[in-house]
Amino acid sequence: MGGGRGFHLIPRLNNIVPESCLLIVVGLLVGGLIRLAGEDVPPVMNAEVFFLCLLPPIILDAGYFLPIRQFMDNLGTILMFAVVGTLWNSFFIGGLLFAVCQINPGYPLEINQLELLPCLLFGSIISAVDPVAVLAVFEEIHINELLHILVFGESLLNDAVTVVLYHLFEEYAGAGTVTVLDGFLGMVSFLVVAVGGVLVGAIYGLLAAFTSRFTSHMRVIEPLFVFVYSYMAYLSAEMFHLSGIMA
C-alpha cells in the first residue's frame, strides 16, 4: 500500500511503469530484505496474519469507495458474474485438471492417482480473478461506467465465494467421501455463510449510522468508528464462521 501511495506522488512514473508492476517490485524488495535478514525478523506471513490483518483493510477500501447507486442498479448482473461465474470456473478448472491427471504419461510420478476433491480444491483457489491491473487501465482511459462497475463489483464479491468454496472442498477432501446429502448441505452452508455475512454487515452498518447521529460535534472520531465497526463486522462474521468479506 505504501508503494501505491508513493506511486501517485510521482506523476511521470505513471507513464513509464504500471502501478501493478511497481507493487510487485516493492513486494519483491521487501521479501528480499526479510530473506537476507534471516528468520529473526517477525512477523512471518501466515494465514492468520493475512486474514486478520491484511485482508480487512483491503476489503474496507474497496467497499467504502464503491459507487453504491450503480452497484445496486446492476446487482443482479454482478451476482451472476461473481457467484455463477466463480462456481463455473472452480468446477471447470478442477474437473479439467482431474481429467488431465487421469492420462497416464508414463512418468515416475503417478499423477493419475490424484482424486477429484483435491483438484476442485485447487480450482477454488485460482478461480477468483483479481482485476487490479484491468481496473487501473479502466480509470486511465475512462472506460464506460457500466463496464467498470460490473468488473469492480464482481471482483469485490468473488473473493467471498472463493473463500466459502475453499473451506467446503477442504472439509470434503478431509472426509474422503461425499454423498448427495453432503452436497445439499454444502449448498445450504454456502447460502447461510453468504447471506449471514451480509446480515452481520447490515447490523453493524445500522449501528454505525445510529452512532454517527450523536457525533456531529466531534467529527474527528467518526473515521475511528468507520474502522472499528468495519473490523468488528469482519471479526464477528468470522467468529460465527460466516463470510467476513461480505460483512
C-alpha atoms as a PDB file:
ATOM      1  CA  MET A   1       0.000   0.000   0.000  1.00  0.00           C
ATOM      2  CA  GLY A   2       2.900   2.328   0.698  1.00  0.00           C
ATOM      3  CA  GLY A   3       4.274   1.650  -2.766  1.00  0.00           C
ATOM      4  CA  GLY A   4       0.925   2.624  -4.269  1.00  0.00           C
ATOM      5  CA  ARG A   5       0.908   5.935  -2.324  1.00  0.00           C
ATOM      6  CA  GLY A   6       4.438   6.743  -3.461  1.00  0.00           C
ATOM      7  CA  PHE A   7       3.465   5.811  -6.998  1.00  0.00           C
ATOM      8  CA  HIS A   8       0.809   8.542  -7.123  1.00  0.00           C
ATOM      9  CA  LEU A   9       3.242  11.150  -5.779  1.00  0.00           C
ATOM     10  CA  ILE A  10       5.352  10.860  -8.951  1.00  0.00           C
ATOM     11  CA  PRO A  11       3.044  11.596 -11.926  1.00  0.00           C
ATOM     12  CA  ARG A  12       5.743  10.955 -14.557  1.00  0.00           C
ATOM     13  CA  LEU A  13       6.235   7.423 -13.247  1.00  0.00           C
ATOM     14  CA  ASN A  14       2.651   6.666 -14.239  1.00  0.00           C
ATOM     15  CA  ASN A  15       3.590   6.875 -17.916  1.00  0.00           C
ATOM     16  CA  ILE A  16       6.550   4.506 -17.561  1.00  0.00           C
ATOM     17  CA  VAL A  17       5.674   1.774 -15.068  1.00  0.00           C
ATOM     18  CA  PRO A  18       2.142   0.370 -14.442  1.00  0.00           C
ATOM     19  CA  GLU A  19       1.054   0.510 -10.815  1.00  0.00           C
ATOM     20  CA  SER A  20       0.597  -3.247 -10.527  1.00  0.00           C
ATOM     21  CA  CYS A  21       4.175  -3.843 -11.753  1.00  0.00           C
ATOM     22  CA  LEU A  22       5.507  -1.329  -9.239  1.00  0.00           C
ATOM     23  CA  LEU A  23       3.679  -3.073  -6.389  1.00  0.00           C
ATOM     24  CA  ILE A  24       5.180  -6.409  -7.465  1.00  0.00           C
ATOM     25  CA  VAL A  25       8.663  -4.859  -7.395  1.00  0.00           C
ATOM     26  CA  VAL A  26       8.017  -3.402  -3.930  1.00  0.00           C
ATOM     27  CA  GLY A  27       6.864  -6.805  -2.683  1.00  0.00           C
ATOM     28  CA  LEU A  28       9.954  -8.481  -4.108  1.00  0.00           C
ATOM     29  CA  LEU A  29      12.223  -5.932  -2.451  1.00  0.00           C
ATOM     30  CA  VAL A  30      10.540  -6.301   0.940  1.00  0.00           C
ATOM     31  CA  GLY A  31      10.601 -10.088   0.658  1.00  0.00           C
ATOM     32  CA  GLY A  32      14.278  -9.987  -0.311  1.00  0.00           C
ATOM     33  CA  LEU A  33      15.128  -7.846   2.697  1.00  0.00           C
ATOM     34  CA  ILE A  34      13.292 -10.245   5.017  1.00  0.00           C
ATOM     35  CA  ARG A  35      15.097 -13.165   3.402  1.00  0.00           C
ATOM     36  CA  LEU A  36      18.501 -11.512   3.837  1.00  0.00           C
ATOM     37  CA  ALA A  37      17.764 -10.638   7.468  1.00  0.00           C
ATOM     38  CA  GLY A  38      17.078 -14.276   8.303  1.00  0.00           C
ATOM     39  CA  GLU A  39      14.425 -15.915  10.459  1.00  0.00           C
ATOM     40  CA  ASP A  40      14.767 -13.401  13.289  1.00  0.00           C
ATOM     41  CA  VAL A  41      12.553 -10.832  11.547  1.00  0.00           C
ATOM     42  CA  PRO A  42       8.918 -11.106  12.723  1.00  0.00           C
ATOM     43  CA  PRO A  43       6.242 -11.500  11.672  1.00  0.00           C
ATOM     44  CA  VAL A  44       6.416 -14.312   9.147  1.00  0.00           C
ATOM     45  CA  MET A  45       3.448 -14.349   6.765  1.00  0.00           C
ATOM     46  CA  ASN A  46       0.846 -16.959   7.606  1.00  0.00           C
ATOM     47  CA  ALA A  47      -2.887 -17.436   7.180  1.00  0.00           C
ATOM     48  CA  GLU A  48      -3.824 -15.672  10.435  1.00  0.00           C
ATOM     49  CA  VAL A  49      -1.769 -12.568   9.621  1.00  0.00           C
ATOM     50  CA  PHE A  50      -3.284 -12.365   6.158  1.00  0.00           C
ATOM     51  CA  PHE A  51      -6.936 -12.942   7.074  1.00  0.00           C
ATOM     52  CA  LEU A  52      -6.922 -10.894  10.295  1.00  0.00           C
ATOM     53  CA  CYS A  53      -4.541  -8.027   9.479  1.00  0.00           C
ATOM     54  CA  LEU A  54      -4.085  -7.582   5.729  1.00  0.00           C
ATOM     55  CA  LEU A  55      -7.386  -8.631   4.179  1.00  0.00           C
ATOM     56  CA  PRO A  56      -9.867  -6.457   6.200  1.00  0.00           C
ATOM     57  CA  PRO A  57      -8.299  -3.075   5.213  1.00  0.00           C
ATOM     58  CA  ILE A  58      -8.224  -4.115   1.549  1.00  0.00           C
ATOM     59  CA  ILE A  59     -11.895  -5.131   1.565  1.00  0.00           C
ATOM     60  CA  LEU A  60     -12.846  -1.992   3.523  1.00  0.00           C
ATOM     61  CA  ASP A  61     -11.105   0.217   0.985  1.00  0.00           C
ATOM     62  CA  ALA A  62     -12.891  -1.491  -1.909  1.00  0.00           C
ATOM     63  CA  GLY A  63     -16.292  -1.396  -0.223  1.00  0.00           C
ATOM     64  CA  TYR A  64     -16.039   2.156   1.121  1.00  0.00           C
ATOM     65  CA  PHE A  65     -15.289   3.683  -2.289  1.00  0.00           C
ATOM     66  CA  LEU A  66     -17.831   1.525  -4.094  1.00  0.00           C
ATOM     67  CA  PRO A  67     -20.364   3.595  -6.118  1.00  0.00           C
ATOM     68  CA  ILE A  68     -23.380   2.220  -4.285  1.00  0.00           C
ATOM     69  CA  ARG A  69     -26.089   3.507  -6.664  1.00  0.00           C
ATOM     70  CA  GLN A  70     -24.540   1.907  -9.744  1.00  0.00           C
ATOM     71  CA  PHE A  71     -23.755  -1.221  -7.730  1.00  0.00           C
ATOM     72  CA  MET A  72     -27.358  -1.697  -6.621  1.00  0.00           C
ATOM     73  CA  ASP A  73     -28.736  -0.952 -10.094  1.00  0.00           C
ATOM     74  CA  ASN A  74     -26.625  -3.760 -11.568  1.00  0.00           C
ATOM     75  CA  LEU A  75     -26.662  -6.111  -8.565  1.00  0.00           C
ATOM     76  CA  GLY A  76     -28.267  -8.991 -10.477  1.00  0.00           C
ATOM     77  CA  THR A  77     -25.641  -8.987 -13.221  1.00  0.00           C
ATOM     78  CA  ILE A  78     -22.819  -8.619 -10.694  1.00  0.00           C
ATOM     79  CA  LEU A  79     -24.098 -11.575  -8.655  1.00  0.00           C
ATOM     80  CA  MET A  80     -24.378 -13.619 -11.836  1.00  0.00           C
ATOM     81  CA  PHE A  81     -20.734 -12.988 -12.664  1.00  0.00           C
ATOM     82  CA  ALA A  82     -19.493 -13.292  -9.068  1.00  0.00           C
ATOM     83  CA  VAL A  83     -21.429 -16.388  -7.958  1.00  0.00           C
ATOM     84  CA  VAL A  84     -22.276 -18.360 -11.093  1.00  0.00           C
ATOM     85  CA  GLY A  85     -19.080 -17.356 -12.883  1.00  0.00           C
ATOM     86  CA  THR A  86     -16.857 -18.262  -9.940  1.00  0.00           C
ATOM     87  CA  LEU A  87     -18.637 -21.582  -9.413  1.00  0.00           C
ATOM     88  CA  TRP A  88     -18.250 -22.375 -13.098  1.00  0.00           C
ATOM     89  CA  ASN A  89     -14.543 -21.521 -13.024  1.00  0.00           C
ATOM     90  CA  SER A  90     -13.927 -23.643  -9.931  1.00  0.00           C
ATOM     91  CA  PHE A  91     -15.700 -26.757 -11.188  1.00  0.00           C
ATOM     92  CA  PHE A  92     -14.467 -26.400 -14.769  1.00  0.00           C
ATOM     93  CA  ILE A  93     -10.812 -25.940 -13.778  1.00  0.00           C
ATOM     94  CA  GLY A  94     -10.989 -28.668 -11.133  1.00  0.00           C
ATOM     95  CA  GLY A  95     -12.764 -31.097 -13.450  1.00  0.00           C
ATOM     96  CA  LEU A  96     -10.389 -30.387 -16.332  1.00  0.00           C
ATOM     97  CA  LEU A  97      -7.378 -30.872 -14.063  1.00  0.00           C
ATOM     98  CA  PHE A  98      -8.817 -34.181 -12.831  1.00  0.00           C
ATOM     99  CA  ALA A  99      -9.383 -35.319 -16.431  1.00  0.00           C
ATOM    100  CA  VAL A 100      -5.801 -34.445 -17.353  1.00  0.00           C
ATOM    101  CA  CYS A 101      -4.490 -36.299 -14.301  1.00  0.00           C
ATOM    102  CA  GLN A 102      -6.243 -39.486 -15.468  1.00  0.00           C
ATOM    103  CA  ILE A 103      -3.968 -39.609 -18.515  1.00  0.00           C
ATOM    104  CA  ASN A 104      -1.020 -41.836 -17.665  1.00  0.00           C
ATOM    105  CA  PRO A 105       2.041 -40.045 -19.032  1.00  0.00           C
ATOM    106  CA  GLY A 106       4.461 -42.849 -18.170  1.00  0.00           C
ATOM    107  CA  TYR A 107       6.469 -40.697 -15.784  1.00  0.00           C
ATOM    108  CA  PRO A 108       7.634 -41.960 -12.365  1.00  0.00           C
ATOM    109  CA  LEU A 109       5.117 -39.620 -10.701  1.00  0.00           C
ATOM    110  CA  GLU A 110       1.718 -41.277 -10.607  1.00  0.00           C
ATOM    111  CA  ILE A 111      -0.383 -38.147 -11.016  1.00  0.00           C
ATOM    112  CA  ASN A 112      -3.257 -40.254 -12.332  1.00  0.00           C
ATOM    113  CA  GLN A 113      -3.899 -41.251  -8.708  1.00  0.00           C
ATOM    114  CA  LEU A 114      -4.962 -37.689  -7.875  1.00  0.00           C
ATOM    115  CA  GLU A 115      -8.598 -37.616  -6.777  1.00  0.00           C
ATOM    116  CA  LEU A 116     -11.350 -35.217  -7.786  1.00  0.00           C
ATOM    117  CA  LEU A 117     -11.705 -33.297  -4.499  1.00  0.00           C
ATOM    118  CA  PRO A 118      -8.070 -32.072  -4.382  1.00  0.00           C
ATOM    119  CA  CYS A 119      -8.482 -30.899  -7.983  1.00  0.00           C
ATOM    120  CA  LEU A 120     -11.637 -28.988  -7.065  1.00  0.00           C
ATOM    121  CA  LEU A 121      -9.800 -27.537  -4.079  1.00  0.00           C
ATOM    122  CA  PHE A 122      -7.099 -26.238  -6.394  1.00  0.00           C
ATOM    123  CA  GLY A 123      -9.753 -24.894  -8.776  1.00  0.00           C
ATOM    124  CA  SER A 124     -11.389 -22.926  -5.953  1.00  0.00           C
ATOM    125  CA  ILE A 125      -8.050 -21.300  -5.100  1.00  0.00           C
ATOM    126  CA  ILE A 126      -7.381 -19.864  -8.566  1.00  0.00           C
ATOM    127  CA  SER A 127     -10.951 -19.291  -9.766  1.00  0.00           C
ATOM    128  CA  ALA A 128     -11.324 -15.776  -8.337  1.00  0.00           C
ATOM    129  CA  VAL A 129      -9.668 -13.236 -10.635  1.00  0.00           C
ATOM    130  CA  ASP A 130      -8.309 -10.014  -9.103  1.00  0.00           C
ATOM    131  CA  PRO A 131      -8.537  -7.384 -11.886  1.00  0.00           C
ATOM    132  CA  VAL A 132      -6.315  -4.764 -10.251  1.00  0.00           C
ATOM    133  CA  ALA A 133      -4.409  -4.018 -13.448  1.00  0.00           C
ATOM    134  CA  VAL A 134      -7.621  -4.017 -15.517  1.00  0.00           C
ATOM    135  CA  LEU A 135      -9.337  -1.519 -13.205  1.00  0.00           C
ATOM    136  CA  ALA A 136      -6.243   0.704 -13.262  1.00  0.00           C
ATOM    137  CA  VAL A 137      -6.371   0.765 -17.066  1.00  0.00           C
ATOM    138  CA  PHE A 138     -10.115   1.442 -16.951  1.00  0.00           C
ATOM    139  CA  GLU A 139      -9.532   4.520 -14.800  1.00  0.00           C
ATOM    140  CA  GLU A 140      -6.808   5.822 -17.092  1.00  0.00           C
ATOM    141  CA  ILE A 141      -8.815   5.524 -20.313  1.00  0.00           C
ATOM    142  CA  HIS A 142     -12.151   6.491 -18.654  1.00  0.00           C
ATOM    143  CA  ILE A 143     -13.991   3.365 -19.713  1.00  0.00           C
ATOM    144  CA  ASN A 144     -17.785   3.067 -19.715  1.00  0.00           C
ATOM    145  CA  GLU A 145     -19.143   3.286 -16.156  1.00  0.00           C
ATOM    146  CA  LEU A 146     -21.346   0.208 -16.593  1.00  0.00           C
ATOM    147  CA  LEU A 147     -18.409  -1.994 -17.597  1.00  0.00           C
ATOM    148  CA  HIS A 148     -16.308  -0.556 -14.766  1.00  0.00           C
ATOM    149  CA  ILE A 149     -18.894  -1.251 -12.059  1.00  0.00           C
ATOM    150  CA  LEU A 150     -19.519  -4.789 -13.368  1.00  0.00           C
ATOM    151  CA  VAL A 151     -15.827  -5.689 -13.200  1.00  0.00           C
ATOM    152  CA  PHE A 152     -15.311  -3.863  -9.895  1.00  0.00           C
ATOM    153  CA  GLY A 153     -18.386  -5.370  -8.217  1.00  0.00           C
ATOM    154  CA  GLU A 154     -17.563  -8.866  -9.424  1.00  0.00           C
ATOM    155  CA  SER A 155     -14.017  -8.606  -8.110  1.00  0.00           C
ATOM    156  CA  LEU A 156     -15.371  -7.488  -4.728  1.00  0.00           C
ATOM    157  CA  LEU A 157     -17.814 -10.377  -4.292  1.00  0.00           C
ATOM    158  CA  ASN A 158     -15.962 -13.269  -5.917  1.00  0.00           C
ATOM    159  CA  ASP A 159     -13.435 -13.337  -3.047  1.00  0.00           C
ATOM    160  CA  ALA A 160     -16.178 -14.296  -0.600  1.00  0.00           C
ATOM    161  CA  VAL A 161     -17.441 -17.018  -2.936  1.00  0.00           C
ATOM    162  CA  THR A 162     -13.935 -18.413  -3.316  1.00  0.00           C
ATOM    163  CA  VAL A 163     -13.263 -18.490   0.436  1.00  0.00           C
ATOM    164  CA  VAL A 164     -16.513 -20.384   1.074  1.00  0.00           C
ATOM    165  CA  LEU A 165     -15.778 -22.840  -1.741  1.00  0.00           C
ATOM    166  CA  TYR A 166     -12.270 -23.425  -0.449  1.00  0.00           C
ATOM    167  CA  HIS A 167     -13.472 -24.281   3.064  1.00  0.00           C
ATOM    168  CA  LEU A 168     -16.175 -26.602   1.693  1.00  0.00           C
ATOM    169  CA  PHE A 169     -13.791 -28.530  -0.554  1.00  0.00           C
ATOM    170  CA  GLU A 170     -11.222 -28.652   2.248  1.00  0.00           C
ATOM    171  CA  GLU A 171     -13.726 -30.353   4.546  1.00  0.00           C
ATOM    172  CA  TYR A 172     -14.866 -32.712   1.794  1.00  0.00           C
ATOM    173  CA  ALA A 173     -11.271 -33.638   0.938  1.00  0.00           C
ATOM    174  CA  GLY A 174     -10.607 -34.447   4.592  1.00  0.00           C
ATOM    175  CA  ALA A 175     -13.742 -36.595   4.817  1.00  0.00           C
ATOM    176  CA  GLY A 176     -12.745 -38.662   1.792  1.00  0.00           C
ATOM    177  CA  THR A 177     -16.253 -39.485   0.533  1.00  0.00           C
ATOM    178  CA  VAL A 178     -19.077 -37.115  -0.373  1.00  0.00           C
ATOM    179  CA  THR A 179     -22.726 -38.141  -0.531  1.00  0.00           C
ATOM    180  CA  VAL A 180     -25.689 -36.395  -2.107  1.00  0.00           C
ATOM    181  CA  LEU A 181     -26.697 -35.172   1.335  1.00  0.00           C
ATOM    182  CA  ASP A 182     -23.246 -33.654   1.812  1.00  0.00           C
ATOM    183  CA  GLY A 183     -23.623 -31.803  -1.482  1.00  0.00           C
ATOM    184  CA  PHE A 184     -27.030 -30.461  -0.468  1.00  0.00           C
ATOM    185  CA  LEU A 185     -25.739 -29.396   2.932  1.00  0.00           C
ATOM    186  CA  GLY A 186     -22.808 -27.729   1.184  1.00  0.00           C
ATOM    187  CA  MET A 187     -25.165 -25.607  -0.928  1.00  0.00           C
ATOM    188  CA  VAL A 188     -27.183 -24.688   2.158  1.00  0.00           C
ATOM    189  CA  SER A 189     -23.974 -23.811   4.005  1.00  0.00           C
ATOM    190  CA  PHE A 190     -22.888 -21.664   1.077  1.00  0.00           C
ATOM    191  CA  LEU A 191     -26.125 -19.647   1.224  1.00  0.00           C
ATOM    192  CA  VAL A 192     -26.026 -19.363   5.012  1.00  0.00           C
ATOM    193  CA  VAL A 193     -22.416 -18.149   5.016  1.00  0.00           C
ATOM    194  CA  ALA A 194     -23.012 -15.553   2.290  1.00  0.00           C
ATOM    195  CA  VAL A 195     -26.390 -14.238   3.498  1.00  0.00           C
ATOM    196  CA  GLY A 196     -25.274 -14.378   7.137  1.00  0.00           C
ATOM    197  CA  GLY A 197     -22.240 -12.249   6.333  1.00  0.00           C
ATOM    198  CA  VAL A 198     -24.453  -9.668   4.640  1.00  0.00           C
ATOM    199  CA  LEU A 199     -26.779  -9.568   7.655  1.00  0.00           C
ATOM    200  CA  VAL A 200     -23.868  -9.082  10.071  1.00  0.00           C
ATOM    201  CA  GLY A 201     -22.569  -6.238   7.923  1.00  0.00           C
ATOM    202  CA  ALA A 202     -26.037  -4.655   7.793  1.00  0.00           C
ATOM    203  CA  ILE A 203     -26.360  -4.797  11.593  1.00  0.00           C
ATOM    204  CA  TYR A 204     -23.036  -3.059  12.121  1.00  0.00           C
ATOM    205  CA  GLY A 205     -23.859  -0.582   9.362  1.00  0.00           C
ATOM    206  CA  LEU A 206     -27.085   0.387  11.138  1.00  0.00           C
ATOM    207  CA  LEU A 207     -25.197   0.604  14.415  1.00  0.00           C
ATOM    208  CA  ALA A 208     -22.620   2.903  12.832  1.00  0.00           C
ATOM    209  CA  ALA A 209     -25.358   5.079  11.325  1.00  0.00           C
ATOM    210  CA  PHE A 210     -27.082   5.350  14.712  1.00  0.00           C
ATOM    211  CA  THR A 211     -23.822   6.202  16.482  1.00  0.00           C
ATOM    212  CA  SER A 212     -22.879   8.877  13.950  1.00  0.00           C
ATOM    213  CA  ARG A 213     -26.082  10.779  14.772  1.00  0.00           C
ATOM    214  CA  PHE A 214     -24.520  11.816  18.097  1.00  0.00           C
ATOM    215  CA  THR A 215     -21.055  12.726  16.803  1.00  0.00           C
ATOM    216  CA  SER A 216     -21.925  15.844  14.774  1.00  0.00           C
ATOM    217  CA  HIS A 217     -19.983  17.995  17.267  1.00  0.00           C
ATOM    218  CA  MET A 218     -16.968  15.612  17.259  1.00  0.00           C
ATOM    219  CA  ARG A 219     -16.254  14.845  13.603  1.00  0.00           C
ATOM    220  CA  VAL A 220     -12.710  13.831  14.416  1.00  0.00           C
ATOM    221  CA  ILE A 221     -13.813  10.495  15.921  1.00  0.00           C
ATOM    222  CA  GLU A 222     -16.080   9.468  13.010  1.00  0.00           C
ATOM    223  CA  PRO A 223     -13.238   7.897  10.958  1.00  0.00           C
ATOM    224  CA  LEU A 224     -12.409   5.836  14.045  1.00  0.00           C
ATOM    225  CA  PHE A 225     -15.971   4.500  14.120  1.00  0.00           C
ATOM    226  CA  VAL A 226     -15.714   3.561  10.443  1.00  0.00           C
ATOM    227  CA  PHE A 227     -12.626   1.439  11.058  1.00  0.00           C
ATOM    228  CA  VAL A 228     -13.850  -0.042  14.356  1.00  0.00           C
ATOM    229  CA  TYR A 229     -17.309  -1.064  13.144  1.00  0.00           C
ATOM    230  CA  SER A 230     -15.937  -2.439   9.877  1.00  0.00           C
ATOM    231  CA  TYR A 231     -13.335  -4.545  11.641  1.00  0.00           C
ATOM    232  CA  MET A 232     -15.872  -5.675  14.252  1.00  0.00           C
ATOM    233  CA  ALA A 233     -18.222  -6.757  11.464  1.00  0.00           C
ATOM    234  CA  TYR A 234     -15.424  -8.795   9.890  1.00  0.00           C
ATOM    235  CA  LEU A 235     -14.398 -10.429  13.187  1.00  0.00           C
ATOM    236  CA  SER A 236     -17.983 -11.121  14.262  1.00  0.00           C
ATOM    237  CA  ALA A 237     -18.760 -12.852  10.973  1.00  0.00           C
ATOM    238  CA  GLU A 238     -15.591 -14.931  11.186  1.00  0.00           C
ATOM    239  CA  MET A 239     -16.398 -15.946  14.775  1.00  0.00           C
ATOM    240  CA  PHE A 240     -19.675 -17.493  13.588  1.00  0.00           C
ATOM    241  CA  HIS A 241     -17.976 -19.000  10.501  1.00  0.00           C
ATOM    242  CA  LEU A 242     -19.788 -16.594   8.172  1.00  0.00           C
ATOM    243  CA  SER A 243     -18.280 -14.569   5.346  1.00  0.00           C
ATOM    244  CA  GLY A 244     -16.260 -11.740   6.858  1.00  0.00           C
ATOM    245  CA  ILE A 245     -15.606 -10.351   3.372  1.00  0.00           C
ATOM    246  CA  MET A 246     -19.340  -9.988   2.694  1.00  0.00           C
ATOM    247  CA  ALA A 247     -19.852  -8.464   6.134  1.00  0.00           C
END
